[in-house]
Amino acid sequence: GRGVPRDEARALQWYRQAAQAGDVGAQYLLA
């Protein structure tokens, strides 16, 4: 919720895209 309203579903969406692109931090958080 930093600079935008907190929205866990949107966070999941963006982490999933980054995870699919190979970002290991996003992969861990998505898990």
PDB file of all heavy atoms in Angstrom:
ATOM      1  N   GLY A   1       0.825  -1.198   0.000  1.00  0.00           N
ATOM      2  CA  GLY A   1       0.000   0.000   0.000  1.00  0.00           C
ATOM      3  C   GLY A   1       0.860   1.249   0.000  1.00  0.00           C
ATOM      4  O   GLY A   1       0.588   2.226   0.694  1.00  0.00           O
ATOM      5  N   ARG A   2       1.885   1.237  -0.811  1.00  0.00           N
ATOM      6  CA  ARG A   2       2.884   2.313  -0.828  1.00  0.00           C
ATOM      7  C   ARG A   2       2.770   3.090  -2.136  1.00  0.00           C
ATOM      8  O   ARG A   2       3.221   2.641  -3.182  1.00  0.00           O
ATOM      9  CB  ARG A   2       4.270   1.689  -0.691  1.00  0.00           C
ATOM     10  CG  ARG A   2       5.411   2.673  -0.526  1.00  0.00           C
ATOM     11  CD  ARG A   2       6.673   1.922  -0.122  1.00  0.00           C
ATOM     12  NE  ARG A   2       7.785   2.838   0.039  1.00  0.00           N
ATOM     13  CZ  ARG A   2       8.625   3.171  -0.933  1.00  0.00           C
ATOM     14  NH1 ARG A   2       8.477   2.643  -2.137  1.00  0.00           N
ATOM     15  NH2 ARG A   2       9.611   4.021  -0.701  1.00  0.00           N
ATOM     16  N   GLY A   3       2.119   4.245  -2.073  1.00  0.00           N
ATOM     17  CA  GLY A   3       1.924   5.066  -3.268  1.00  0.00           C
ATOM     18  C   GLY A   3       0.699   4.690  -4.063  1.00  0.00           C
ATOM     19  O   GLY A   3       0.298   5.414  -4.972  1.00  0.00           O
ATOM     20  N   VAL A   4       0.113   3.554  -3.753  1.00  0.00           N
ATOM     21  CA  VAL A   4      -1.127   3.074  -4.360  1.00  0.00           C
ATOM     22  C   VAL A   4      -1.922   2.384  -3.248  1.00  0.00           C
ATOM     23  O   VAL A   4      -1.348   1.982  -2.231  1.00  0.00           O
ATOM     24  CB  VAL A   4      -0.870   2.074  -5.509  1.00  0.00           C
ATOM     25  CG1 VAL A   4      -0.299   2.764  -6.729  1.00  0.00           C
ATOM     26  CG2 VAL A   4       0.032   0.938  -5.050  1.00  0.00           C
ATOM     27  N   PRO A   5      -3.234   2.234  -3.405  1.00  0.00           N
ATOM     28  CA  PRO A   5      -3.991   1.507  -2.381  1.00  0.00           C
ATOM     29  C   PRO A   5      -3.486   0.067  -2.271  1.00  0.00           C
ATOM     30  O   PRO A   5      -3.150  -0.561  -3.270  1.00  0.00           O
ATOM     31  CB  PRO A   5      -5.432   1.542  -2.906  1.00  0.00           C
ATOM     32  CG  PRO A   5      -5.468   2.700  -3.843  1.00  0.00           C
ATOM     33  CD  PRO A   5      -4.108   2.763  -4.467  1.00  0.00           C
ATOM     34  N   ARG A   6      -3.431  -0.409  -1.040  1.00  0.00           N
ATOM     35  CA  ARG A   6      -3.009  -1.793  -0.847  1.00  0.00           C
ATOM     36  C   ARG A   6      -3.985  -2.731  -1.558  1.00  0.00           C
ATOM     37  O   ARG A   6      -5.205  -2.632  -1.396  1.00  0.00           O
ATOM     38  CB  ARG A   6      -2.959  -2.109   0.643  1.00  0.00           C
ATOM     39  CG  ARG A   6      -2.529  -3.530   0.954  1.00  0.00           C
ATOM     40  CD  ARG A   6      -2.418  -3.713   2.445  1.00  0.00           C
ATOM     41  NE  ARG A   6      -2.450  -5.121   2.817  1.00  0.00           N
ATOM     42  CZ  ARG A   6      -2.521  -5.564   4.053  1.00  0.00           C
ATOM     43  NH1 ARG A   6      -2.587  -4.692   5.050  1.00  0.00           N
ATOM     44  NH2 ARG A   6      -2.546  -6.856   4.309  1.00  0.00           N
ATOM     45  N   ASP A   7      -3.440  -3.630  -2.370  1.00  0.00           N
ATOM     46  CA  ASP A   7      -4.281  -4.530  -3.159  1.00  0.00           C
ATOM     47  C   ASP A   7      -3.480  -5.809  -3.379  1.00  0.00           C
ATOM     48  O   ASP A   7      -2.640  -5.889  -4.275  1.00  0.00           O
ATOM     49  CB  ASP A   7      -4.654  -3.880  -4.489  1.00  0.00           C
ATOM     50  CG  ASP A   7      -5.688  -4.672  -5.281  1.00  0.00           C
ATOM     51  OD1 ASP A   7      -5.668  -5.913  -5.206  1.00  0.00           O
ATOM     52  OD2 ASP A   7      -6.502  -4.049  -5.988  1.00  0.00           O
ATOM     53  N   GLU A   8      -3.729  -6.814  -2.551  1.00  0.00           N
ATOM     54  CA  GLU A   8      -2.939  -8.036  -2.612  1.00  0.00           C
ATOM     55  C   GLU A   8      -3.122  -8.782  -3.933  1.00  0.00           C
ATOM     56  O   GLU A   8      -2.186  -9.404  -4.440  1.00  0.00           O
ATOM     57  CB  GLU A   8      -3.297  -8.927  -1.434  1.00  0.00           C
ATOM     58  CG  GLU A   8      -2.885  -8.319  -0.084  1.00  0.00           C
ATOM     59  CD  GLU A   8      -3.552  -9.006   1.095  1.00  0.00           C
ATOM     60  OE1 GLU A   8      -4.389  -9.899   0.865  1.00  0.00           O
ATOM     61  OE2 GLU A   8      -3.225  -8.645   2.232  1.00  0.00           O
ATOM     62  N   ALA A   9      -4.335  -8.715  -4.502  1.00  0.00           N
ATOM     63  CA  ALA A   9      -4.571  -9.408  -5.771  1.00  0.00           C
ATOM     64  C   ALA A   9      -3.733  -8.790  -6.891  1.00  0.00           C
ATOM     65  O   ALA A   9      -3.171  -9.509  -7.732  1.00  0.00           O
ATOM     66  CB  ALA A   9      -6.052  -9.374  -6.128  1.00  0.00           C
ATOM     67  N   ARG A  10      -3.640  -7.460  -6.922  1.00  0.00           N
ATOM     68  CA  ARG A  10      -2.802  -6.821  -7.945  1.00  0.00           C
ATOM     69  C   ARG A  10      -1.326  -7.089  -7.696  1.00  0.00           C
ATOM     70  O   ARG A  10      -0.549  -7.258  -8.645  1.00  0.00           O
ATOM     71  CB  ARG A  10      -3.074  -5.317  -7.976  1.00  0.00           C
ATOM     72  CG  ARG A  10      -4.404  -4.952  -8.590  1.00  0.00           C
ATOM     73  CD  ARG A  10      -4.486  -3.478  -8.864  1.00  0.00           C
ATOM     74  NE  ARG A  10      -5.744  -3.121  -9.505  1.00  0.00           N
ATOM     75  CZ  ARG A  10      -6.037  -1.912  -9.965  1.00  0.00           C
ATOM     76  NH1 ARG A  10      -5.161  -0.927  -9.849  1.00  0.00           N
ATOM     77  NH2 ARG A  10      -7.188  -1.674 -10.537  1.00  0.00           N
ATOM     78  N   ALA A  11      -0.924  -7.106  -6.430  1.00  0.00           N
ATOM     79  CA  ALA A  11       0.462  -7.454  -6.118  1.00  0.00           C
ATOM     80  C   ALA A  11       0.784  -8.841  -6.657  1.00  0.00           C
ATOM     81  O   ALA A  11       1.818  -9.051  -7.290  1.00  0.00           O
ATOM     82  CB  ALA A  11       0.690  -7.398  -4.608  1.00  0.00           C
ATOM     83  N   LEU A  12      -0.113  -9.781  -6.427  1.00  0.00           N
ATOM     84  CA  LEU A  12       0.080 -11.145  -6.924  1.00  0.00           C
ATOM     85  C   LEU A  12       0.210 -11.150  -8.435  1.00  0.00           C
ATOM     86  O   LEU A  12       1.083 -11.837  -8.994  1.00  0.00           O
ATOM     87  CB  LEU A  12      -1.089 -12.024  -6.494  1.00  0.00           C
ATOM     88  CG  LEU A  12      -0.974 -13.481  -6.926  1.00  0.00           C
ATOM     89  CD1 LEU A  12      -0.467 -14.346  -5.762  1.00  0.00           C
ATOM     90  CD2 LEU A  12      -2.313 -14.026  -7.402  1.00  0.00           C
ATOM     91  N   GLN A  13      -0.617 -10.369  -9.123  1.00  0.00           N
ATOM     92  CA  GLN A  13      -0.568 -10.321 -10.588  1.00  0.00           C
ATOM     93  C   GLN A  13       0.805  -9.875 -11.074  1.00  0.00           C
ATOM     94  O   GLN A  13       1.398 -10.506 -11.966  1.00  0.00           O
ATOM     95  CB  GLN A  13      -1.639  -9.360 -11.108  1.00  0.00           C
ATOM     96  CG  GLN A  13      -1.509  -9.015 -12.583  1.00  0.00           C
ATOM     97  CD  GLN A  13      -2.258  -7.744 -12.954  1.00  0.00           C
ATOM     98  OE1 GLN A  13      -3.132  -7.287 -12.218  1.00  0.00           O
ATOM     99  NE2 GLN A  13      -1.905  -7.172 -14.087  1.00  0.00           N
ATOM    100  N   TRP A  14       1.326  -8.797 -10.483  1.00  0.00           N
ATOM    101  CA  TRP A  14       2.611  -8.273 -10.953  1.00  0.00           C
ATOM    102  C   TRP A  14       3.773  -9.166 -10.528  1.00  0.00           C
ATOM    103  O   TRP A  14       4.727  -9.358 -11.292  1.00  0.00           O
ATOM    104  CB  TRP A  14       2.813  -6.838 -10.464  1.00  0.00           C
ATOM    105  CG  TRP A  14       1.934  -5.883 -11.197  1.00  0.00           C
ATOM    106  CD1 TRP A  14       0.923  -5.118 -10.688  1.00  0.00           C
ATOM    107  CD2 TRP A  14       1.974  -5.592 -12.602  1.00  0.00           C
ATOM    108  NE1 TRP A  14       0.339  -4.380 -11.673  1.00  0.00           N
ATOM    109  CE2 TRP A  14       0.957  -4.639 -12.858  1.00  0.00           C
ATOM    110  CE3 TRP A  14       2.757  -6.039 -13.663  1.00  0.00           C
ATOM    111  CZ2 TRP A  14       0.713  -4.141 -14.131  1.00  0.00           C
ATOM    112  CZ3 TRP A  14       2.516  -5.551 -14.936  1.00  0.00           C
ATOM    113  CH2 TRP A  14       1.506  -4.603 -15.156  1.00  0.00           C
ATOM    114  N   TYR A  15       3.708  -9.717  -9.311  1.00  0.00           N
ATOM    115  CA  TYR A  15       4.759 -10.651  -8.905  1.00  0.00           C
ATOM    116  C   TYR A  15       4.772 -11.881  -9.809  1.00  0.00           C
ATOM    117  O   TYR A  15       5.836 -12.406 -10.143  1.00  0.00           O
ATOM    118  CB  TYR A  15       4.563 -11.085  -7.458  1.00  0.00           C
ATOM    119  CG  TYR A  15       4.992 -10.066  -6.434  1.00  0.00           C
ATOM    120  CD1 TYR A  15       4.338  -9.975  -5.206  1.00  0.00           C
ATOM    121  CD2 TYR A  15       6.060  -9.209  -6.659  1.00  0.00           C
ATOM    122  CE1 TYR A  15       4.730  -9.061  -4.251  1.00  0.00           C
ATOM    123  CE2 TYR A  15       6.456  -8.281  -5.718  1.00  0.00           C
ATOM    124  CZ  TYR A  15       5.797  -8.211  -4.505  1.00  0.00           C
ATOM    125  OH  TYR A  15       6.183  -7.300  -3.564  1.00  0.00           O
ATOM    126  N   ARG A  16       3.588 -12.330 -10.225  1.00  0.00           N
ATOM    127  CA  ARG A  16       3.535 -13.494 -11.107  1.00  0.00           C
ATOM    128  C   ARG A  16       4.200 -13.187 -12.443  1.00  0.00           C
ATOM    129  O   ARG A  16       4.955 -14.009 -12.979  1.00  0.00           O
ATOM    130  CB  ARG A  16       2.092 -13.941 -11.315  1.00  0.00           C
ATOM    131  CG  ARG A  16       1.988 -15.206 -12.174  1.00  0.00           C
ATOM    132  CD  ARG A  16       0.593 -15.816 -12.080  1.00  0.00           C
ATOM    133  NE  ARG A  16      -0.439 -14.832 -12.353  1.00  0.00           N
ATOM    134  CZ  ARG A  16      -1.526 -14.642 -11.591  1.00  0.00           C
ATOM    135  NH1 ARG A  16      -1.727 -15.365 -10.511  1.00  0.00           N
ATOM    136  NH2 ARG A  16      -2.412 -13.730 -11.922  1.00  0.00           N
ATOM    137  N   GLN A  17       3.953 -11.990 -12.991  1.00  0.00           N
ATOM    138  CA  GLN A  17       4.593 -11.639 -14.259  1.00  0.00           C
ATOM    139  C   GLN A  17       6.112 -11.579 -14.102  1.00  0.00           C
ATOM    140  O   GLN A  17       6.858 -12.072 -14.955  1.00  0.00           O
ATOM    141  CB  GLN A  17       4.053 -10.302 -14.773  1.00  0.00           C
ATOM    142  CG  GLN A  17       2.630 -10.385 -15.284  1.00  0.00           C
ATOM    143  CD  GLN A  17       2.269  -9.212 -16.175  1.00  0.00           C
ATOM    144  OE1 GLN A  17       3.081  -8.728 -16.956  1.00  0.00           O
ATOM    145  NE2 GLN A  17       1.036  -8.749 -16.064  1.00  0.00           N
ATOM    146  N   ALA A  18       6.567 -10.968 -13.005  1.00  0.00           N
ATOM    147  CA  ALA A  18       8.014 -10.884 -12.774  1.00  0.00           C
ATOM    148  C   ALA A  18       8.599 -12.266 -12.509  1.00  0.00           C
ATOM    149  O   ALA A  18       9.711 -12.578 -12.958  1.00  0.00           O
ATOM    150  CB  ALA A  18       8.303  -9.953 -11.605  1.00  0.00           C
ATOM    151  N   ALA A  19       7.856 -13.096 -11.796  1.00  0.00           N
ATOM    152  CA  ALA A  19       8.326 -14.460 -11.514  1.00  0.00           C
ATOM    153  C   ALA A  19       8.458 -15.250 -12.801  1.00  0.00           C
ATOM    154  O   ALA A  19       9.438 -15.984 -13.005  1.00  0.00           O
ATOM    155  CB  ALA A  19       7.365 -15.154 -10.555  1.00  0.00           C
ATOM    156  N   GLN A  20       7.487 -15.117 -13.681  1.00  0.00           N
ATOM    157  CA  GLN A  20       7.540 -15.833 -14.955  1.00  0.00           C
ATOM    158  C   GLN A  20       8.710 -15.361 -15.813  1.00  0.00           C
ATOM    159  O   GLN A  20       9.229 -16.118 -16.632  1.00  0.00           O
ATOM    160  CB  GLN A  20       6.217 -15.655 -15.697  1.00  0.00           C
ATOM    161  CG  GLN A  20       5.058 -16.408 -15.039  1.00  0.00           C
ATOM    162  CD  GLN A  20       3.703 -16.028 -15.607  1.00  0.00           C
ATOM    163  OE1 GLN A  20       3.547 -14.975 -16.249  1.00  0.00           O
ATOM    164  NE2 GLN A  20       2.710 -16.871 -15.381  1.00  0.00           N
ATOM    165  N   ALA A  21       9.122 -14.111 -15.590  1.00  0.00           N
ATOM    166  CA  ALA A  21      10.271 -13.573 -16.331  1.00  0.00           C
ATOM    167  C   ALA A  21      11.596 -13.923 -15.673  1.00  0.00           C
ATOM    168  O   ALA A  21      12.656 -13.574 -16.199  1.00  0.00           O
ATOM    169  CB  ALA A  21      10.146 -12.056 -16.455  1.00  0.00           C
ATOM    170  N   GLY A  22      11.555 -14.604 -14.496  1.00  0.00           N
ATOM    171  CA  GLY A  22      12.787 -15.092 -13.899  1.00  0.00           C
ATOM    172  C   GLY A  22      13.283 -14.362 -12.673  1.00  0.00           C
ATOM    173  O   GLY A  22      14.374 -14.664 -12.179  1.00  0.00           O
ATOM    174  N   ASP A  23      12.516 -13.406 -12.120  1.00  0.00           N
ATOM    175  CA  ASP A  23      12.966 -12.675 -10.934  1.00  0.00           C
ATOM    176  C   ASP A  23      12.797 -13.572  -9.710  1.00  0.00           C
ATOM    177  O   ASP A  23      11.683 -13.926  -9.321  1.00  0.00           O
ATOM    178  CB  ASP A  23      12.165 -11.387 -10.763  1.00  0.00           C
ATOM    179  CG  ASP A  23      12.719 -10.532  -9.633  1.00  0.00           C
ATOM    180  OD1 ASP A  23      12.456 -10.844  -8.456  1.00  0.00           O
ATOM    181  OD2 ASP A  23      13.426  -9.558  -9.936  1.00  0.00           O
ATOM    182  N   VAL A  24      13.909 -13.933  -9.056  1.00  0.00           N
ATOM    183  CA  VAL A  24      13.853 -14.910  -7.977  1.00  0.00           C
ATOM    184  C   VAL A  24      13.143 -14.362  -6.745  1.00  0.00           C
ATOM    185  O   VAL A  24      12.445 -15.108  -6.036  1.00  0.00           O
ATOM    186  CB  VAL A  24      15.272 -15.416  -7.638  1.00  0.00           C
ATOM    187  CG1 VAL A  24      16.125 -14.319  -7.037  1.00  0.00           C
ATOM    188  CG2 VAL A  24      15.215 -16.635  -6.726  1.00  0.00           C
ATOM    189  N   GLY A  25      13.293 -13.067  -6.463  1.00  0.00           N
ATOM    190  CA  GLY A  25      12.575 -12.492  -5.327  1.00  0.00           C
ATOM    191  C   GLY A  25      11.084 -12.562  -5.522  1.00  0.00           C
ATOM    192  O   GLY A  25      10.326 -12.877  -4.590  1.00  0.00           O
ATOM    193  N   ALA A  26      10.636 -12.262  -6.738  1.00  0.00           N
ATOM    194  CA  ALA A  26       9.207 -12.348  -7.039  1.00  0.00           C
ATOM    195  C   ALA A  26       8.724 -13.790  -6.966  1.00  0.00           C
ATOM    196  O   ALA A  26       7.601 -14.064  -6.528  1.00  0.00           O
ATOM    197  CB  ALA A  26       8.926 -11.758  -8.416  1.00  0.00           C
ATOM    198  N   GLN A  27       9.554 -14.715  -7.385  1.00  0.00           N
ATOM    199  CA  GLN A  27       9.178 -16.134  -7.307  1.00  0.00           C
ATOM    200  C   GLN A  27       8.949 -16.554  -5.866  1.00  0.00           C
ATOM    201  O   GLN A  27       7.963 -17.239  -5.555  1.00  0.00           O
ATOM    202  CB  GLN A  27      10.270 -16.998  -7.952  1.00  0.00           C
ATOM    203  CG  GLN A  27      10.351 -16.839  -9.458  1.00  0.00           C
ATOM    204  CD  GLN A  27      11.645 -17.370 -10.048  1.00  0.00           C
ATOM    205  OE1 GLN A  27      12.543 -17.808  -9.323  1.00  0.00           O
ATOM    206  NE2 GLN A  27      11.764 -17.320 -11.365  1.00  0.00           N
ATOM    207  N   TYR A  28       9.828 -16.135  -4.976  1.00  0.00           N
ATOM    208  CA  TYR A  28       9.684 -16.485  -3.560  1.00  0.00           C
ATOM    209  C   TYR A  28       8.426 -15.856  -2.973  1.00  0.00           C
ATOM    210  O   TYR A  28       7.651 -16.517  -2.270  1.00  0.00           O
ATOM    211  CB  TYR A  28      10.918 -16.032  -2.783  1.00  0.00           C
ATOM    212  CG  TYR A  28      10.921 -16.478  -1.342  1.00  0.00           C
ATOM    213  CD1 TYR A  28      11.626 -17.610  -0.948  1.00  0.00           C
ATOM    214  CD2 TYR A  28      10.219 -15.773  -0.371  1.00  0.00           C
ATOM    215  CE1 TYR A  28      11.632 -18.031   0.380  1.00  0.00           C
ATOM    216  CE2 TYR A  28      10.204 -16.191   0.954  1.00  0.00           C
ATOM    217  CZ  TYR A  28      10.911 -17.312   1.318  1.00  0.00           C
ATOM    218  OH  TYR A  28      10.905 -17.730   2.628  1.00  0.00           O
ATOM    219  N   LEU A  29       8.208 -14.582  -3.254  1.00  0.00           N
ATOM    220  CA  LEU A  29       7.032 -13.908  -2.697  1.00  0.00           C
ATOM    221  C   LEU A  29       5.740 -14.470  -3.270  1.00  0.00           C
ATOM    222  O   LEU A  29       4.739 -14.600  -2.552  1.00  0.00           O
ATOM    223  CB  LEU A  29       7.126 -12.407  -2.960  1.00  0.00           C
ATOM    224  CG  LEU A  29       8.100 -11.666  -2.049  1.00  0.00           C
ATOM    225  CD1 LEU A  29       8.282 -10.239  -2.514  1.00  0.00           C
ATOM    226  CD2 LEU A  29       7.622 -11.694  -0.613  1.00  0.00           C
ATOM    227  N   LEU A  30       5.744 -14.806  -4.542  1.00  0.00           N
ATOM    228  CA  LEU A  30       4.562 -15.410  -5.146  1.00  0.00           C
ATOM    229  C   LEU A  30       4.246 -16.734  -4.455  1.00  0.00           C
ATOM    230  O   LEU A  30       3.081 -17.029  -4.132  1.00  0.00           O
ATOM    231  CB  LEU A  30       4.802 -15.622  -6.635  1.00  0.00           C
ATOM    232  CG  LEU A  30       3.646 -16.205  -7.450  1.00  0.00           C
ATOM    233  CD1 LEU A  30       2.440 -15.275  -7.427  1.00  0.00           C
ATOM    234  CD2 LEU A  30       4.097 -16.447  -8.891  1.00  0.00           C
ATOM    235  N   ALA A  31       5.275 -17.525  -4.209  1.00  0.00           N
ATOM    236  CA  ALA A  31       5.076 -18.788  -3.499  1.00  0.00           C
ATOM    237  C   ALA A  31       4.499 -18.535  -2.110  1.00  0.00           C
ATOM    238  O   ALA A  31       3.578 -19.238  -1.667  1.00  0.00           O
ATOM    239  CB  ALA A  31       6.400 -19.540  -3.398  1.00  0.00           C
TER     240      ALA A  31
END
